Amino acid sequence: MLARRPSAGEKGGMRRILIFTALLALSTLHAELPPSAYEAMQKAAPDFLNIEVLRVEIEPGDAPGRQNILVMALVSGVTRTSSGVSDGDLINISYTVTAREKGWVGPGEIPLLEEKEKTVAYLVKDPETGDFHPAAGAMSFRNF
């Protein structure tokens, strides 16, 4: 018995399904950003500070594997500021982290800060809440 060959219409339909599947797969991939992208985000960050982490609060997020992070920090140095923050000010930094499965490919996760840690911070201030948010993704709390 010979296998039936697909008609031209069936070939076009299969081709469309394959193209749609490929586009869907590509749209869900997130590639790690190149170092130049992080450097550009650091340069564009409105506030570039040195901080000392005083307290870290972690709460469950709005989806499985997500956590909302609230950091209270002491500003110990100001390199650049558009928010008017000064040495000695206390600031809140809020952000979300997502636990990823091993082998997941995507942008680096913003690191979880620890109490008593002293680090740089590339931040942007939220005018509505007054909290700061990381401005350089995974490199918000590290220099290149």
C-alpha atoms as a PDB file:
ATOM      1  CA  MET A   1       0.000   0.000   0.000  1.00  0.00           C
ATOM      2  CA  LEU A   2       1.356   3.393  -0.983  1.00  0.00           C
ATOM      3  CA  ALA A   3       1.237   6.343   1.400  1.00  0.00           C
ATOM      4  CA  ARG A   4      -0.940   9.202   0.224  1.00  0.00           C
ATOM      5  CA  ARG A   5       0.969  12.401  -0.536  1.00  0.00           C
ATOM      6  CA  PRO A   6      -0.411  15.565   1.069  1.00  0.00           C
ATOM      7  CA  SER A   7      -2.173  17.937  -1.287  1.00  0.00           C
ATOM      8  CA  ALA A   8      -0.917  21.474  -1.911  1.00  0.00           C
ATOM      9  CA  GLY A   9      -3.527  22.818   0.523  1.00  0.00           C
ATOM     10  CA  GLU A  10      -2.484  20.366   3.229  1.00  0.00           C
ATOM     11  CA  LYS A  11       1.198  21.264   2.698  1.00  0.00           C
ATOM     12  CA  GLY A  12       0.370  24.953   3.096  1.00  0.00           C
ATOM     13  CA  GLY A  13      -1.579  24.233   6.286  1.00  0.00           C
ATOM     14  CA  MET A  14       1.246  22.155   7.736  1.00  0.00           C
ATOM     15  CA  ARG A  15       3.734  24.849   6.793  1.00  0.00           C
ATOM     16  CA  ARG A  16       1.617  27.491   8.552  1.00  0.00           C
ATOM     17  CA  ILE A  17       1.393  25.325  11.673  1.00  0.00           C
ATOM     18  CA  LEU A  18       5.174  24.820  11.697  1.00  0.00           C
ATOM     19  CA  ILE A  19       5.816  28.544  11.221  1.00  0.00           C
ATOM     20  CA  PHE A  20       3.319  29.428  13.948  1.00  0.00           C
ATOM     21  CA  THR A  21       4.896  26.891  16.325  1.00  0.00           C
ATOM     22  CA  ALA A  22       8.394  28.229  15.615  1.00  0.00           C
ATOM     23  CA  LEU A  23       7.287  31.828  16.169  1.00  0.00           C
ATOM     24  CA  LEU A  24       5.525  30.895  19.390  1.00  0.00           C
ATOM     25  CA  ALA A  25       8.642  29.122  20.650  1.00  0.00           C
ATOM     26  CA  LEU A  26      10.854  32.079  19.762  1.00  0.00           C
ATOM     27  CA  SER A  27       8.513  34.556  21.429  1.00  0.00           C
ATOM     28  CA  THR A  28       8.779  32.698  24.744  1.00  0.00           C
ATOM     29  CA  LEU A  29      12.596  32.542  24.797  1.00  0.00           C
ATOM     30  CA  HIS A  30      14.465  35.166  26.774  1.00  0.00           C
ATOM     31  CA  ALA A  31      18.150  35.422  26.066  1.00  0.00           C
ATOM     32  CA  GLU A  32      20.677  36.684  28.579  1.00  0.00           C
ATOM     33  CA  LEU A  33      21.555  40.266  27.842  1.00  0.00           C
ATOM     34  CA  PRO A  34      25.048  41.081  26.595  1.00  0.00           C
ATOM     35  CA  PRO A  35      27.369  42.959  28.978  1.00  0.00           C
ATOM     36  CA  SER A  36      27.019  46.104  26.869  1.00  0.00           C
ATOM     37  CA  ALA A  37      23.274  46.179  27.613  1.00  0.00           C
ATOM     38  CA  TYR A  38      23.906  46.077  31.369  1.00  0.00           C
ATOM     39  CA  GLU A  39      26.605  48.754  31.051  1.00  0.00           C
ATOM     40  CA  ALA A  40      24.157  50.986  29.154  1.00  0.00           C
ATOM     41  CA  MET A  41      21.490  50.461  31.847  1.00  0.00           C
ATOM     42  CA  GLN A  42      24.022  51.338  34.561  1.00  0.00           C
ATOM     43  CA  LYS A  43      25.008  54.538  32.745  1.00  0.00           C
ATOM     44  CA  ALA A  44      21.345  55.485  32.291  1.00  0.00           C
ATOM     45  CA  ALA A  45      20.356  54.786  35.905  1.00  0.00           C
ATOM     46  CA  PRO A  46      19.146  58.031  37.506  1.00  0.00           C
ATOM     47  CA  ASP A  47      20.690  57.135  40.874  1.00  0.00           C
ATOM     48  CA  PHE A  48      24.081  55.486  41.389  1.00  0.00           C
ATOM     49  CA  LEU A  49      24.666  54.990  45.106  1.00  0.00           C
ATOM     50  CA  ASN A  50      26.694  53.067  47.644  1.00  0.00           C
ATOM     51  CA  ILE A  51      24.435  51.404  50.191  1.00  0.00           C
ATOM     52  CA  GLU A  52      24.556  49.303  53.322  1.00  0.00           C
ATOM     53  CA  VAL A  53      21.672  46.849  53.612  1.00  0.00           C
ATOM     54  CA  LEU A  54      19.972  47.155  56.996  1.00  0.00           C
ATOM     55  CA  ARG A  55      16.950  44.875  56.557  1.00  0.00           C
ATOM     56  CA  VAL A  56      15.574  42.507  53.920  1.00  0.00           C
ATOM     57  CA  GLU A  57      11.925  41.423  53.910  1.00  0.00           C
ATOM     58  CA  ILE A  58      10.798  38.613  51.623  1.00  0.00           C
ATOM     59  CA  GLU A  59       7.131  37.919  50.917  1.00  0.00           C
ATOM     60  CA  PRO A  60       5.379  35.528  48.525  1.00  0.00           C
ATOM     61  CA  GLY A  61       4.722  37.028  45.107  1.00  0.00           C
ATOM     62  CA  ASP A  62       1.689  36.902  42.851  1.00  0.00           C
ATOM     63  CA  ALA A  63       2.728  33.638  41.151  1.00  0.00           C
ATOM     64  CA  PRO A  64       4.457  30.393  42.150  1.00  0.00           C
ATOM     65  CA  GLY A  65       8.203  30.840  42.480  1.00  0.00           C
ATOM     66  CA  ARG A  66       7.975  34.634  42.732  1.00  0.00           C
ATOM     67  CA  GLN A  67       9.025  36.631  45.777  1.00  0.00           C
ATOM     68  CA  ASN A  68       8.582  40.303  46.550  1.00  0.00           C
ATOM     69  CA  ILE A  69      11.688  41.814  48.111  1.00  0.00           C
ATOM     70  CA  LEU A  70      11.771  44.966  50.234  1.00  0.00           C
ATOM     71  CA  VAL A  71      15.188  46.237  51.290  1.00  0.00           C
ATOM     72  CA  MET A  72      15.801  49.030  53.768  1.00  0.00           C
ATOM     73  CA  ALA A  73      19.236  50.516  53.134  1.00  0.00           C
ATOM     74  CA  LEU A  74      21.460  53.304  54.401  1.00  0.00           C
ATOM     75  CA  VAL A  75      22.979  55.485  51.681  1.00  0.00           C
ATOM     76  CA  SER A  76      26.733  55.559  52.331  1.00  0.00           C
ATOM     77  CA  GLY A  77      27.797  57.364  49.168  1.00  0.00           C
ATOM     78  CA  VAL A  78      26.306  59.184  46.211  1.00  0.00           C
ATOM     79  CA  THR A  79      27.983  59.086  42.807  1.00  0.00           C
ATOM     80  CA  ARG A  80      24.955  60.372  40.894  1.00  0.00           C
ATOM     81  CA  THR A  81      21.397  61.228  41.903  1.00  0.00           C
ATOM     82  CA  SER A  82      18.349  62.649  40.209  1.00  0.00           C
ATOM     83  CA  SER A  83      16.139  61.946  43.223  1.00  0.00           C
ATOM     84  CA  GLY A  84      18.085  64.185  45.605  1.00  0.00           C
ATOM     85  CA  VAL A  85      19.130  61.392  47.954  1.00  0.00           C
ATOM     86  CA  SER A  86      22.078  62.187  50.260  1.00  0.00           C
ATOM     87  CA  ASP A  87      24.642  60.328  52.357  1.00  0.00           C
ATOM     88  CA  GLY A  88      22.981  59.073  55.528  1.00  0.00           C
ATOM     89  CA  ASP A  89      19.475  58.824  54.027  1.00  0.00           C
ATOM     90  CA  LEU A  90      17.428  55.684  54.569  1.00  0.00           C
ATOM     91  CA  ILE A  91      15.823  54.333  51.410  1.00  0.00           C
ATOM     92  CA  ASN A  92      13.536  51.437  50.507  1.00  0.00           C
ATOM     93  CA  ILE A  93      14.335  49.309  47.473  1.00  0.00           C
ATOM     94  CA  SER A  94      11.615  46.999  46.185  1.00  0.00           C
ATOM     95  CA  TYR A  95      11.776  44.368  43.473  1.00  0.00           C
ATOM     96  CA  THR A  96      10.627  40.863  42.565  1.00  0.00           C
ATOM     97  CA  VAL A  97      12.710  37.731  42.052  1.00  0.00           C
ATOM     98  CA  THR A  98      11.568  34.577  40.286  1.00  0.00           C
ATOM     99  CA  ALA A  99      12.962  31.107  40.927  1.00  0.00           C
ATOM    100  CA  ARG A 100      13.869  29.556  37.585  1.00  0.00           C
ATOM    101  CA  GLU A 101      14.309  25.889  36.768  1.00  0.00           C
ATOM    102  CA  LYS A 102      17.826  24.648  36.130  1.00  0.00           C
ATOM    103  CA  GLY A 103      18.719  25.162  32.480  1.00  0.00           C
ATOM    104  CA  TRP A 104      16.333  28.089  31.999  1.00  0.00           C
ATOM    105  CA  VAL A 105      17.722  30.586  29.512  1.00  0.00           C
ATOM    106  CA  GLY A 106      16.921  34.226  30.067  1.00  0.00           C
ATOM    107  CA  PRO A 107      17.990  37.540  31.519  1.00  0.00           C
ATOM    108  CA  GLY A 108      19.932  37.284  34.743  1.00  0.00           C
ATOM    109  CA  GLU A 109      17.901  37.579  37.928  1.00  0.00           C
ATOM    110  CA  ILE A 110      18.364  40.551  40.241  1.00  0.00           C
ATOM    111  CA  PRO A 111      20.359  39.218  43.189  1.00  0.00           C
ATOM    112  CA  LEU A 112      18.862  38.882  46.634  1.00  0.00           C
ATOM    113  CA  LEU A 113      20.655  41.306  48.936  1.00  0.00           C
ATOM    114  CA  GLU A 114      21.679  40.290  52.445  1.00  0.00           C
ATOM    115  CA  GLU A 115      21.604  42.227  55.707  1.00  0.00           C
ATOM    116  CA  LYS A 116      24.862  44.086  56.484  1.00  0.00           C
ATOM    117  CA  GLU A 117      25.946  43.815  52.838  1.00  0.00           C
ATOM    118  CA  LYS A 118      27.705  46.886  51.453  1.00  0.00           C
ATOM    119  CA  THR A 119      27.328  47.340  47.715  1.00  0.00           C
ATOM    120  CA  VAL A 120      26.739  49.722  44.852  1.00  0.00           C
ATOM    121  CA  ALA A 121      23.166  50.311  43.703  1.00  0.00           C
ATOM    122  CA  TYR A 122      21.928  51.493  40.297  1.00  0.00           C
ATOM    123  CA  LEU A 123      18.394  52.633  41.017  1.00  0.00           C
ATOM    124  CA  VAL A 124      15.375  54.560  39.819  1.00  0.00           C
ATOM    125  CA  LYS A 125      12.897  56.176  42.202  1.00  0.00           C
ATOM    126  CA  ASP A 126       9.180  55.502  41.852  1.00  0.00           C
ATOM    127  CA  PRO A 127       7.499  58.911  42.174  1.00  0.00           C
ATOM    128  CA  GLU A 128       4.243  57.355  43.410  1.00  0.00           C
ATOM    129  CA  THR A 129       5.566  55.176  46.245  1.00  0.00           C
ATOM    130  CA  GLY A 130       8.920  56.821  46.955  1.00  0.00           C
ATOM    131  CA  ASP A 131      10.570  53.385  46.804  1.00  0.00           C
ATOM    132  CA  PHE A 132      13.567  52.767  44.605  1.00  0.00           C
ATOM    133  CA  HIS A 133      13.749  49.944  42.050  1.00  0.00           C
ATOM    134  CA  PRO A 134      16.763  48.270  40.421  1.00  0.00           C
ATOM    135  CA  ALA A 135      17.614  50.086  37.185  1.00  0.00           C
ATOM    136  CA  ALA A 136      20.172  47.716  35.646  1.00  0.00           C
ATOM    137  CA  GLY A 137      18.596  44.278  35.937  1.00  0.00           C
ATOM    138  CA  ALA A 138      20.973  41.598  37.202  1.00  0.00           C
ATOM    139  CA  MET A 139      23.777  44.187  37.393  1.00  0.00           C
ATOM    140  CA  SER A 140      21.870  46.655  39.606  1.00  0.00           C
ATOM    141  CA  PHE A 141      23.997  45.813  42.634  1.00  0.00           C
ATOM    142  CA  ARG A 142      27.396  45.138  40.989  1.00  0.00           C
ATOM    143  CA  ASN A 143      29.888  47.094  38.915  1.00  0.00           C
ATOM    144  CA  PHE A 144      31.463  45.782  35.742  1.00  0.00           C
END
